[in-house]
C-alpha atoms as a PDB file:
ATOM      1  CA  MET A   1      33.240  21.295  36.761  1.00  0.00           C
ATOM      2  CA  GLU A   2      36.937  22.105  37.053  1.00  0.00           C
ATOM      3  CA  ASP A   3      36.446  23.033  40.723  1.00  0.00           C
ATOM      4  CA  ILE A   4      34.595  19.771  41.402  1.00  0.00           C
ATOM      5  CA  ALA A   5      37.308  17.759  39.611  1.00  0.00           C
ATOM      6  CA  ALA A   6      39.972  19.513  41.713  1.00  0.00           C
ATOM      7  CA  PHE A   7      38.111  18.710  44.947  1.00  0.00           C
ATOM      8  CA  VAL A   8      37.686  15.048  43.989  1.00  0.00           C
ATOM      9  CA  ALA A   9      41.384  14.728  43.129  1.00  0.00           C
ATOM     10  CA  VAL A  10      42.439  16.260  46.488  1.00  0.00           C
ATOM     11  CA  ALA A  11      40.018  14.030  48.396  1.00  0.00           C
ATOM     12  CA  GLN A  12      41.212  10.882  46.654  1.00  0.00           C
ATOM     13  CA  HIS A  13      44.927  11.666  47.015  1.00  0.00           C
ATOM     14  CA  GLU A  14      44.586  13.417  50.402  1.00  0.00           C
ATOM     15  CA  SER A  15      47.103  15.893  49.012  1.00  0.00           C
ATOM     16  CA  PHE A  16      46.955  19.178  47.103  1.00  0.00           C
ATOM     17  CA  THR A  17      50.384  18.490  45.618  1.00  0.00           C
ATOM     18  CA  ARG A  18      49.512  15.060  44.173  1.00  0.00           C
ATOM     19  CA  ALA A  19      46.135  16.364  42.975  1.00  0.00           C
ATOM     20  CA  ALA A  20      47.920  19.159  41.097  1.00  0.00           C
ATOM     21  CA  GLU A  21      50.267  16.601  39.487  1.00  0.00           C
ATOM     22  CA  GLN A  22      47.291  14.499  38.356  1.00  0.00           C
ATOM     23  CA  LEU A  23      45.476  17.485  36.908  1.00  0.00           C
ATOM     24  CA  GLY A  24      48.577  18.979  35.291  1.00  0.00           C
ATOM     25  CA  THR A  25      48.289  22.295  37.097  1.00  0.00           C
ATOM     26  CA  SER A  26      49.798  24.059  40.106  1.00  0.00           C
ATOM     27  CA  LYS A  27      49.103  23.428  43.782  1.00  0.00           C
ATOM     28  CA  SER A  28      47.948  27.047  44.056  1.00  0.00           C
ATOM     29  CA  ASN A  29      45.341  26.598  41.308  1.00  0.00           C
ATOM     30  CA  VAL A  30      44.002  23.467  42.989  1.00  0.00           C
ATOM     31  CA  GLY A  31      43.745  25.273  46.321  1.00  0.00           C
ATOM     32  CA  LYS A  32      41.853  28.174  44.732  1.00  0.00           C
ATOM     33  CA  ALA A  33      39.466  25.778  42.984  1.00  0.00           C
ATOM     34  CA  VAL A  34      38.593  24.017  46.235  1.00  0.00           C
ATOM     35  CA  GLN A  35      38.178  27.364  48.002  1.00  0.00           C
ATOM     36  CA  ARG A  36      35.760  28.605  45.303  1.00  0.00           C
ATOM     37  CA  LEU A  37      33.727  25.405  45.625  1.00  0.00           C
ATOM     38  CA  GLU A  38      33.531  25.716  49.409  1.00  0.00           C
ATOM     39  CA  GLU A  39      32.451  29.357  49.148  1.00  0.00           C
ATOM     40  CA  ARG A  40      29.756  28.454  46.639  1.00  0.00           C
ATOM     41  CA  LEU A  41      28.458  25.626  48.858  1.00  0.00           C
ATOM     42  CA  GLY A  42      28.832  27.635  52.060  1.00  0.00           C
ATOM     43  CA  THR A  43      30.641  24.875  53.945  1.00  0.00           C
ATOM     44  CA  ARG A  44      34.071  23.406  54.547  1.00  0.00           C
ATOM     45  CA  LEU A  45      34.728  20.270  52.532  1.00  0.00           C
ATOM     46  CA  LEU A  46      38.327  19.615  53.580  1.00  0.00           C
ATOM     47  CA  GLN A  47      40.136  19.831  56.898  1.00  0.00           C
ATOM     48  CA  ARG A  48      43.667  20.994  56.219  1.00  0.00           C
ATOM     49  CA  THR A  49      46.579  20.470  58.583  1.00  0.00           C
ATOM     50  CA  THR A  50      50.338  20.712  58.112  1.00  0.00           C
ATOM     51  CA  ARG A  51      50.519  16.920  57.875  1.00  0.00           C
ATOM     52  CA  ALA A  52      47.376  15.830  56.018  1.00  0.00           C
ATOM     53  CA  VAL A  53      44.168  16.728  54.234  1.00  0.00           C
ATOM     54  CA  ARG A  54      41.002  15.103  55.513  1.00  0.00           C
ATOM     55  CA  LEU A  55      37.366  15.241  54.430  1.00  0.00           C
ATOM     56  CA  THR A  56      34.871  16.913  56.701  1.00  0.00           C
ATOM     57  CA  GLU A  57      31.466  15.292  57.189  1.00  0.00           C
ATOM     58  CA  ASP A  58      30.027  17.621  54.536  1.00  0.00           C
ATOM     59  CA  GLY A  59      33.034  16.789  52.377  1.00  0.00           C
ATOM     60  CA  GLU A  60      32.285  13.070  52.563  1.00  0.00           C
ATOM     61  CA  THR A  61      28.677  13.698  51.566  1.00  0.00           C
ATOM     62  CA  TYR A  62      29.692  15.949  48.666  1.00  0.00           C
ATOM     63  CA  LEU A  63      32.427  13.570  47.475  1.00  0.00           C
ATOM     64  CA  GLU A  64      29.929  10.722  47.181  1.00  0.00           C
ATOM     65  CA  ALA A  65      27.588  12.914  45.126  1.00  0.00           C
ATOM     66  CA  ALA A  66      30.427  14.321  43.009  1.00  0.00           C
ATOM     67  CA  LEU A  67      31.754  10.857  42.148  1.00  0.00           C
ATOM     68  CA  ALA A  68      28.258   9.697  41.137  1.00  0.00           C
ATOM     69  CA  ALA A  69      27.805  12.799  38.996  1.00  0.00           C
ATOM     70  CA  LEU A  70      31.172  12.408  37.289  1.00  0.00           C
ATOM     71  CA  GLU A  71      30.476   8.725  36.625  1.00  0.00           C
ATOM     72  CA  GLY A  72      27.137   9.666  35.071  1.00  0.00           C
ATOM     73  CA  LEU A  73      28.772  12.258  32.851  1.00  0.00           C
ATOM     74  CA  SER A  74      31.393   9.743  31.770  1.00  0.00           C
ATOM     75  CA  GLU A  75      28.696   7.227  30.851  1.00  0.00           C
ATOM     76  CA  ALA A  76      26.867   9.955  28.917  1.00  0.00           C
ATOM     77  CA  GLU A  77      30.032  10.787  26.969  1.00  0.00           C
ATOM     78  CA  ILE A  78      30.488   7.108  26.102  1.00  0.00           C
ATOM     79  CA  ALA A  79      26.849   6.868  24.984  1.00  0.00           C
ATOM     80  CA  LEU A  80      27.164   9.983  22.819  1.00  0.00           C
ATOM     81  CA  ALA A  81      30.374   8.687  21.257  1.00  0.00           C
ATOM     82  CA  ALA A  82      28.661   5.381  20.492  1.00  0.00           C
ATOM     83  CA  ARG A  83      25.758   7.261  18.932  1.00  0.00           C
ATOM     84  CA  ARG A  84      28.151   9.132  16.675  1.00  0.00           C
ATOM     85  CA  GLU A  85      29.460   5.769  15.481  1.00  0.00           C
ATOM     86  CA  GLU A  86      26.030   4.156  15.130  1.00  0.00           C
ATOM     87  CA  PRO A  87      24.441   4.482  11.687  1.00  0.00           C
ATOM     88  CA  VAL A  88      21.507   6.803  12.324  1.00  0.00           C
ATOM     89  CA  GLY A  89      19.599   9.124   9.995  1.00  0.00           C
ATOM     90  CA  ARG A  90      18.432   9.521   6.409  1.00  0.00           C
ATOM     91  CA  VAL A  91      20.663   8.804   3.410  1.00  0.00           C
ATOM     92  CA  ARG A  92      19.721  10.455   0.099  1.00  0.00           C
ATOM     93  CA  ILE A  93      20.662   8.368  -2.951  1.00  0.00           C
ATOM     94  CA  ASP A  94      20.354   9.204  -6.643  1.00  0.00           C
ATOM     95  CA  VAL A  95      20.332   6.013  -8.749  1.00  0.00           C
ATOM     96  CA  PRO A  96      19.747   5.339 -12.457  1.00  0.00           C
ATOM     97  CA  SER A  97      16.149   4.236 -12.849  1.00  0.00           C
ATOM     98  CA  GLY A  98      16.950   0.732 -14.076  1.00  0.00           C
ATOM     99  CA  PHE A  99      19.240   0.010 -11.140  1.00  0.00           C
ATOM    100  CA  GLY A 100      16.959   1.451  -8.496  1.00  0.00           C
ATOM    101  CA  ARG A 101      14.380  -1.280  -8.850  1.00  0.00           C
ATOM    102  CA  LEU A 102      17.091  -3.927  -8.668  1.00  0.00           C
ATOM    103  CA  LEU A 103      18.141  -2.536  -5.311  1.00  0.00           C
ATOM    104  CA  PHE A 104      14.685  -2.455  -3.710  1.00  0.00           C
ATOM    105  CA  PRO A 105      14.641  -6.138  -2.692  1.00  0.00           C
ATOM    106  CA  THR A 106      18.081  -5.833  -1.077  1.00  0.00           C
ATOM    107  CA  PHE A 107      17.285  -2.886   1.195  1.00  0.00           C
ATOM    108  CA  ALA A 108      15.130  -4.939   3.561  1.00  0.00           C
ATOM    109  CA  ALA A 109      18.148  -6.935   4.729  1.00  0.00           C
ATOM    110  CA  MET A 110      20.214  -3.776   5.144  1.00  0.00           C
ATOM    111  CA  ARG A 111      17.518  -2.066   7.207  1.00  0.00           C
ATOM    112  CA  ALA A 112      17.108  -5.182   9.347  1.00  0.00           C
ATOM    113  CA  GLN A 113      20.767  -4.781  10.254  1.00  0.00           C
ATOM    114  CA  HIS A 114      20.614  -0.984  10.557  1.00  0.00           C
ATOM    115  CA  PRO A 115      17.006  -0.148  11.482  1.00  0.00           C
ATOM    116  CA  ARG A 116      17.786   3.496  12.301  1.00  0.00           C
ATOM    117  CA  VAL A 117      18.940   4.247   8.750  1.00  0.00           C
ATOM    118  CA  ALA A 118      16.236   5.694   6.478  1.00  0.00           C
ATOM    119  CA  LEU A 119      16.538   5.993   2.706  1.00  0.00           C
ATOM    120  CA  GLU A 120      15.429   8.620   0.229  1.00  0.00           C
ATOM    121  CA  LEU A 121      15.825   7.459  -3.369  1.00  0.00           C
ATOM    122  CA  SER A 122      15.621   9.307  -6.636  1.00  0.00           C
ATOM    123  CA  LEU A 123      15.351   7.024  -9.664  1.00  0.00           C
ATOM    124  CA  SER A 124      16.479   9.093 -12.613  1.00  0.00           C
ATOM    125  CA  ASP A 125      18.702   8.856 -15.670  1.00  0.00           C
ATOM    126  CA  ARG A 126      19.612  12.551 -15.679  1.00  0.00           C
ATOM    127  CA  GLN A 127      23.083  13.731 -14.620  1.00  0.00           C
ATOM    128  CA  SER A 128      22.392  15.221 -11.191  1.00  0.00           C
ATOM    129  CA  ASP A 129      24.808  17.471  -9.294  1.00  0.00           C
ATOM    130  CA  PRO A 130      25.663  15.585  -6.072  1.00  0.00           C
ATOM    131  CA  VAL A 131      26.932  18.654  -4.207  1.00  0.00           C
ATOM    132  CA  ALA A 132      24.413  21.286  -5.321  1.00  0.00           C
ATOM    133  CA  GLU A 133      21.432  18.950  -4.887  1.00  0.00           C
ATOM    134  CA  GLY A 134      22.528  17.603  -1.525  1.00  0.00           C
ATOM    135  CA  TRP A 135      22.813  13.902  -2.355  1.00  0.00           C
ATOM    136  CA  ASP A 136      24.744  11.668   0.030  1.00  0.00           C
ATOM    137  CA  ILE A 137      25.460   9.082  -2.696  1.00  0.00           C
ATOM    138  CA  VAL A 138      25.057   9.316  -6.464  1.00  0.00           C
ATOM    139  CA  VAL A 139      25.374   6.144  -8.551  1.00  0.00           C
ATOM    140  CA  ARG A 140      26.599   7.102 -12.000  1.00  0.00           C
ATOM    141  CA  ILE A 141      27.152   5.094 -15.167  1.00  0.00           C
ATOM    142  CA  GLY A 142      29.991   6.031 -17.486  1.00  0.00           C
ATOM    143  CA  ALA A 143      32.083   9.199 -17.521  1.00  0.00           C
ATOM    144  CA  LEU A 144      32.799  10.866 -14.203  1.00  0.00           C
ATOM    145  CA  PRO A 145      32.597  14.603 -13.559  1.00  0.00           C
ATOM    146  CA  GLY A 146      35.814  16.588 -13.365  1.00  0.00           C
ATOM    147  CA  GLY A 147      37.080  18.339 -10.273  1.00  0.00           C
ATOM    148  CA  GLY A 148      38.062  17.113  -6.849  1.00  0.00           C
ATOM    149  CA  GLU A 149      34.813  17.610  -4.922  1.00  0.00           C
ATOM    150  CA  MET A 150      33.864  13.924  -4.854  1.00  0.00           C
ATOM    151  CA  THR A 151      35.020  10.676  -3.335  1.00  0.00           C
ATOM    152  CA  VAL A 152      34.684   7.970  -6.007  1.00  0.00           C
ATOM    153  CA  ARG A 153      34.115   4.258  -5.380  1.00  0.00           C
ATOM    154  CA  LYS A 154      33.933   1.875  -8.325  1.00  0.00           C
ATOM    155  CA  LEU A 155      31.034  -0.556  -8.062  1.00  0.00           C
ATOM    156  CA  CYS A 156      31.298  -2.738 -11.180  1.00  0.00           C
ATOM    157  CA  ASP A 157      31.733  -2.941 -14.943  1.00  0.00           C
ATOM    158  CA  LEU A 158      28.767  -3.527 -17.208  1.00  0.00           C
ATOM    159  CA  ARG A 159      28.153  -5.410 -20.420  1.00  0.00           C
ATOM    160  CA  VAL A 160      25.616  -4.277 -22.974  1.00  0.00           C
ATOM    161  CA  GLY A 161      23.423  -6.621 -24.974  1.00  0.00           C
ATOM    162  CA  LEU A 162      20.239  -6.859 -26.993  1.00  0.00           C
ATOM    163  CA  TYR A 163      17.073  -8.197 -25.366  1.00  0.00           C
ATOM    164  CA  ALA A 164      13.477  -8.801 -26.392  1.00  0.00           C
ATOM    165  CA  SER A 165      10.446 -10.550 -24.956  1.00  0.00           C
ATOM    166  CA  PRO A 166       9.677 -14.173 -25.836  1.00  0.00           C
ATOM    167  CA  ALA A 167       6.357 -13.026 -27.335  1.00  0.00           C
ATOM    168  CA  TYR A 168       8.093 -10.563 -29.673  1.00  0.00           C
ATOM    169  CA  LEU A 169      10.669 -13.128 -30.806  1.00  0.00           C
ATOM    170  CA  GLU A 170       7.954 -15.697 -31.461  1.00  0.00           C
ATOM    171  CA  ARG A 171       5.998 -13.138 -33.493  1.00  0.00           C
ATOM    172  CA  ARG A 172       8.896 -11.717 -35.515  1.00  0.00           C
ATOM    173  CA  GLY A 173      11.479 -14.478 -35.291  1.00  0.00           C
ATOM    174  CA  PRO A 174      14.919 -13.967 -33.727  1.00  0.00           C
ATOM    175  CA  PRO A 175      17.576 -12.240 -35.844  1.00  0.00           C
ATOM    176  CA  ALA A 176      20.333 -14.583 -36.961  1.00  0.00           C
ATOM    177  CA  ALA A 177      22.933 -11.862 -37.578  1.00  0.00           C
ATOM    178  CA  SER A 178      23.463  -8.145 -37.018  1.00  0.00           C
ATOM    179  CA  LYS A 179      22.277  -7.332 -40.533  1.00  0.00           C
ATOM    180  CA  ASP A 180      18.870  -8.801 -39.687  1.00  0.00           C
ATOM    181  CA  LEU A 181      18.306  -6.091 -37.050  1.00  0.00           C
ATOM    182  CA  TRP A 182      17.302  -3.613 -39.764  1.00  0.00           C
ATOM    183  CA  SER A 183      14.062  -5.474 -40.287  1.00  0.00           C
ATOM    184  CA  HIS A 184      13.176  -5.501 -36.573  1.00  0.00           C
ATOM    185  CA  GLU A 185      11.430  -3.010 -34.318  1.00  0.00           C
ATOM    186  CA  ALA A 186      13.902  -1.121 -32.154  1.00  0.00           C
ATOM    187  CA  ILE A 187      13.486   0.576 -28.792  1.00  0.00           C
ATOM    188  CA  VAL A 188      16.080   3.367 -28.596  1.00  0.00           C
ATOM    189  CA  PHE A 189      17.247   5.535 -25.720  1.00  0.00           C
ATOM    190  CA  ARG A 190      17.415   9.325 -26.001  1.00  0.00           C
ATOM    191  CA  ALA A 191      20.262  10.722 -23.872  1.00  0.00           C
ATOM    192  CA  ALA A 192      20.045  13.926 -21.829  1.00  0.00           C
ATOM    193  CA  SER A 193      21.945  15.670 -24.645  1.00  0.00           C
ATOM    194  CA  GLY A 194      19.019  14.938 -26.940  1.00  0.00           C
ATOM    195  CA  ARG A 195      21.059  12.486 -29.021  1.00  0.00           C
ATOM    196  CA  LEU A 196      19.642   9.066 -29.833  1.00  0.00           C
ATOM    197  CA  ARG A 197      22.014   6.489 -28.424  1.00  0.00           C
ATOM    198  CA  PRO A 198      23.219   4.071 -31.145  1.00  0.00           C
ATOM    199  CA  TRP A 199      23.589   0.378 -30.429  1.00  0.00           C
ATOM    200  CA  THR A 200      27.149  -0.875 -30.038  1.00  0.00           C
ATOM    201  CA  LEU A 201      27.667  -4.433 -31.279  1.00  0.00           C
ATOM    202  CA  LEU A 202      30.635  -6.774 -31.475  1.00  0.00           C
ATOM    203  CA  GLU A 203      31.381  -7.748 -35.063  1.00  0.00           C
ATOM    204  CA  ALA A 204      34.494  -9.610 -36.189  1.00  0.00           C
ATOM    205  CA  GLY A 205      36.114  -8.944 -32.830  1.00  0.00           C
ATOM    206  CA  HIS A 206      35.551  -5.190 -32.929  1.00  0.00           C
ATOM    207  CA  GLY A 207      32.885  -2.858 -31.628  1.00  0.00           C
ATOM    208  CA  ALA A 208      30.674  -1.270 -34.271  1.00  0.00           C
ATOM    209  CA  GLU A 209      27.877   1.249 -33.915  1.00  0.00           C
ATOM    210  CA  LEU A 210      24.460   0.678 -35.404  1.00  0.00           C
ATOM    211  CA  SER A 211      21.725   3.314 -35.466  1.00  0.00           C
ATOM    212  CA  PRO A 212      18.572   1.214 -35.849  1.00  0.00           C
ATOM    213  CA  ARG A 213      15.298   2.542 -37.163  1.00  0.00           C
ATOM    214  CA  ALA A 214      13.506   3.304 -33.922  1.00  0.00           C
ATOM    215  CA  ASN A 215       9.821   2.555 -33.603  1.00  0.00           C
ATOM    216  CA  LEU A 216       9.910   3.661 -29.941  1.00  0.00           C
ATOM    217  CA  ILE A 217      12.158   6.306 -28.350  1.00  0.00           C
ATOM    218  CA  LEU A 218      12.419   6.637 -24.584  1.00  0.00           C
ATOM    219  CA  ALA A 219      14.482   8.763 -22.202  1.00  0.00           C
ATOM    220  CA  ASP A 220      14.026   6.497 -19.184  1.00  0.00           C
ATOM    221  CA  GLY A 221      16.087   3.347 -18.711  1.00  0.00           C
ATOM    222  CA  ARG A 222      13.437   1.498 -16.752  1.00  0.00           C
ATOM    223  CA  ALA A 223      10.790   2.384 -19.313  1.00  0.00           C
ATOM    224  CA  MET A 224      12.981   0.757 -21.977  1.00  0.00           C
ATOM    225  CA  VAL A 225      13.010  -2.476 -19.994  1.00  0.00           C
ATOM    226  CA  ASP A 226       9.243  -2.325 -19.502  1.00  0.00           C
ATOM    227  CA  ALA A 227       8.726  -1.675 -23.219  1.00  0.00           C
ATOM    228  CA  ALA A 228      10.897  -4.649 -24.178  1.00  0.00           C
ATOM    229  CA  ILE A 229       9.027  -6.904 -21.725  1.00  0.00           C
ATOM    230  CA  ALA A 230       5.752  -5.666 -23.247  1.00  0.00           C
ATOM    231  CA  GLY A 231       6.901  -6.948 -26.638  1.00  0.00           C
ATOM    232  CA  LEU A 232       7.378  -3.566 -28.318  1.00  0.00           C
ATOM    233  CA  GLY A 233      10.722  -4.464 -29.875  1.00  0.00           C
ATOM    234  CA  ILE A 234      14.403  -5.120 -29.243  1.00  0.00           C
ATOM    235  CA  ALA A 235      16.268  -2.926 -26.768  1.00  0.00           C
ATOM    236  CA  GLN A 236      19.937  -2.645 -25.840  1.00  0.00           C
ATOM    237  CA  ILE A 237      20.105  -3.026 -22.075  1.00  0.00           C
ATOM    238  CA  PHE A 238      22.798  -3.342 -19.420  1.00  0.00           C
ATOM    239  CA  ASP A 239      23.334  -6.949 -18.387  1.00  0.00           C
ATOM    240  CA  ARG A 240      22.747  -6.327 -14.662  1.00  0.00           C
ATOM    241  CA  VAL A 241      19.448  -4.637 -15.395  1.00  0.00           C
ATOM    242  CA  ALA A 242      18.274  -7.335 -17.803  1.00  0.00           C
ATOM    243  CA  GLN A 243      19.420 -10.416 -15.874  1.00  0.00           C
ATOM    244  CA  PRO A 244      16.534 -10.672 -13.365  1.00  0.00           C
ATOM    245  CA  HIS A 245      14.039 -10.433 -16.214  1.00  0.00           C
ATOM    246  CA  VAL A 246      15.905 -13.097 -18.183  1.00  0.00           C
ATOM    247  CA  ALA A 247      15.811 -15.344 -15.104  1.00  0.00           C
ATOM    248  CA  ALA A 248      12.072 -14.682 -14.772  1.00  0.00           C
ATOM    249  CA  GLY A 249      11.456 -15.571 -18.430  1.00  0.00           C
ATOM    250  CA  GLU A 250      10.337 -12.034 -19.309  1.00  0.00           C
ATOM    251  CA  LEU A 251      13.282 -11.290 -21.632  1.00  0.00           C
ATOM    252  CA  ARG A 252      15.604 -13.273 -23.866  1.00  0.00           C
ATOM    253  CA  ARG A 253      19.051 -12.351 -25.101  1.00  0.00           C
ATOM    254  CA  VAL A 254      19.295 -11.557 -28.777  1.00  0.00           C
ATOM    255  CA  LEU A 255      22.588 -12.200 -30.615  1.00  0.00           C
ATOM    256  CA  PRO A 256      24.557 -12.809 -27.383  1.00  0.00           C
ATOM    257  CA  GLU A 257      27.773 -13.062 -29.418  1.00  0.00           C
ATOM    258  CA  ALA A 258      27.335  -9.346 -30.214  1.00  0.00           C
ATOM    259  CA  ASP A 259      27.421  -8.269 -26.542  1.00  0.00           C
ATOM    260  CA  VAL A 260      30.095  -5.655 -25.797  1.00  0.00           C
ATOM    261  CA  GLU A 261      31.877  -4.322 -22.752  1.00  0.00           C
ATOM    262  CA  GLY A 262      29.902  -1.458 -21.299  1.00  0.00           C
ATOM    263  CA  PRO A 263      30.715   1.494 -19.063  1.00  0.00           C
ATOM    264  CA  PRO A 264      31.770   1.266 -15.422  1.00  0.00           C
ATOM    265  CA  VAL A 265      29.480   2.125 -12.539  1.00  0.00           C
ATOM    266  CA  HIS A 266      30.715   4.384  -9.735  1.00  0.00           C
ATOM    267  CA  ALA A 267      29.360   5.715  -6.479  1.00  0.00           C
ATOM    268  CA  LEU A 268      30.073   9.405  -5.902  1.00  0.00           C
ATOM    269  CA  ILE A 269      30.108  10.855  -2.383  1.00  0.00           C
ATOM    270  CA  PRO A 270      30.607  14.586  -1.731  1.00  0.00           C
ATOM    271  CA  LEU A 271      33.881  15.237   0.048  1.00  0.00           C
ATOM    272  CA  GLY A 272      33.696  16.065   3.734  1.00  0.00           C
ATOM    273  CA  ARG A 273      35.783  15.862   6.854  1.00  0.00           C
ATOM    274  CA  ARG A 274      34.468  12.383   7.593  1.00  0.00           C
ATOM    275  CA  MET A 275      31.929  10.088   6.001  1.00  0.00           C
ATOM    276  CA  PRO A 276      28.995   9.615   8.403  1.00  0.00           C
ATOM    277  CA  PRO A 277      28.375   6.021   9.539  1.00  0.00           C
ATOM    278  CA  LYS A 278      24.884   6.098   7.965  1.00  0.00           C
ATOM    279  CA  THR A 279      26.394   6.878   4.545  1.00  0.00           C
ATOM    280  CA  ARG A 280      29.184   4.345   4.956  1.00  0.00           C
ATOM    281  CA  VAL A 281      26.845   1.400   5.645  1.00  0.00           C
ATOM    282  CA  VAL A 282      24.706   2.240   2.593  1.00  0.00           C
ATOM    283  CA  LEU A 283      27.802   2.608   0.414  1.00  0.00           C
ATOM    284  CA  GLU A 284      29.153  -0.754   1.577  1.00  0.00           C
ATOM    285  CA  HIS A 285      25.755  -2.290   0.865  1.00  0.00           C
ATOM    286  CA  LEU A 286      25.932  -1.004  -2.709  1.00  0.00           C
ATOM    287  CA  VAL A 287      29.477  -2.326  -3.098  1.00  0.00           C
ATOM    288  CA  GLU A 288      28.428  -5.796  -1.902  1.00  0.00           C
ATOM    289  CA  PHE A 289      25.376  -5.832  -4.175  1.00  0.00           C
ATOM    290  CA  PHE A 290      27.331  -4.937  -7.316  1.00  0.00           C
ATOM    291  CA  ARG A 291      30.016  -7.497  -6.478  1.00  0.00           C
ATOM    292  CA  LEU A 292      27.491 -10.318  -6.746  1.00  0.00           C
ATOM    293  CA  PRO A 293      28.107 -12.394  -9.888  1.00  0.00           C
ATOM    294  CA  LEU A 294      25.467 -12.525 -12.582  1.00  0.00           C
ATOM    295  CA  HIS A 295      23.718 -15.843 -13.058  1.00  0.00           C
ATOM    296  CA  THR A 296      23.603 -16.603 -16.742  1.00  0.00           C
END
C-alpha cells in the first residue's frame, strides 16, 4: 500500500520531490517504492527524464485502478468509522424488579429509533456485581458501592408511601392515622440481609420507623405490588412504582401526609476507555424516563 501511495503521489505531482514532500519522506524512499512496485508488476509505470516524470501507457492504466482502489478503501474506512459510532449490539441491564416492568412500554420507542440495539434485562432486587457479572448498566436504589470501578449517573429521587387496593380499603376501612396501622394487614419486604424492612412514616414533621405486624413477607419488589393490588394488605411502595397502578385504579394512597423522601436511584456503568454508543443510547433513555414528572 505504501508503494502504491508513493506511485500515485508521483503521478499526480509529476515529481518525485513534491511527492516526497506530500508523503513526509525522502525522495530516495519514494524512488525505491516506485521501483519495487514496477518490479512486482513487471512493467515500467513512469518515464523519467531530467526535466519531467511522465506516465507510461501501463502507468496510466495502473493509476486509474490505483485511484479507484484507494477511493474504495477510503469509503470503507468512513463506513467502519460510522459503524463504530452507530449504536449496534446487545446491552445487558440489571434493574430492580418493580422498575423493570415500568420500563417495558418505553423500550419500543427506543428500539424504533435504534433498531440494531438489543436488550437483555434482569429484573431482580438483589445487589448484583456489575463488573464481575458483566452488566453494561445496573440500576440501583439507595447506597452506592465503594471503589472507583464505576461511572455513576443519578436518575432520580424517590418518595415512599403506603398503598392498598380499593377492595382492601373498602373491606377494612382506610386508616385515619398512623396508630391505626397496627390493626391492618401489612405486606413487608425482606431485604437481602434477611432483615425485615420497617416502614418509615412522616409524623410531626419527622421521619419515624414503624415495624408493622406482617401478614405477608416478600423479598421481591414487584411481588409486593402484585400482592397489594390483590388486596392482601397495605404495602410501602416507591412512588414511581405505584403511580401507574394508582392511575389505573388498582391502588390507592394510604395516609399520603405520611409519605417520606426515599432513596436516590443511580445507573452504574463499569469504567472503560470509552462508553460504547449502544450503552450510551440506553443510558440516555433511562435518564429521560426517570426525568418524567409523576402525575398525581
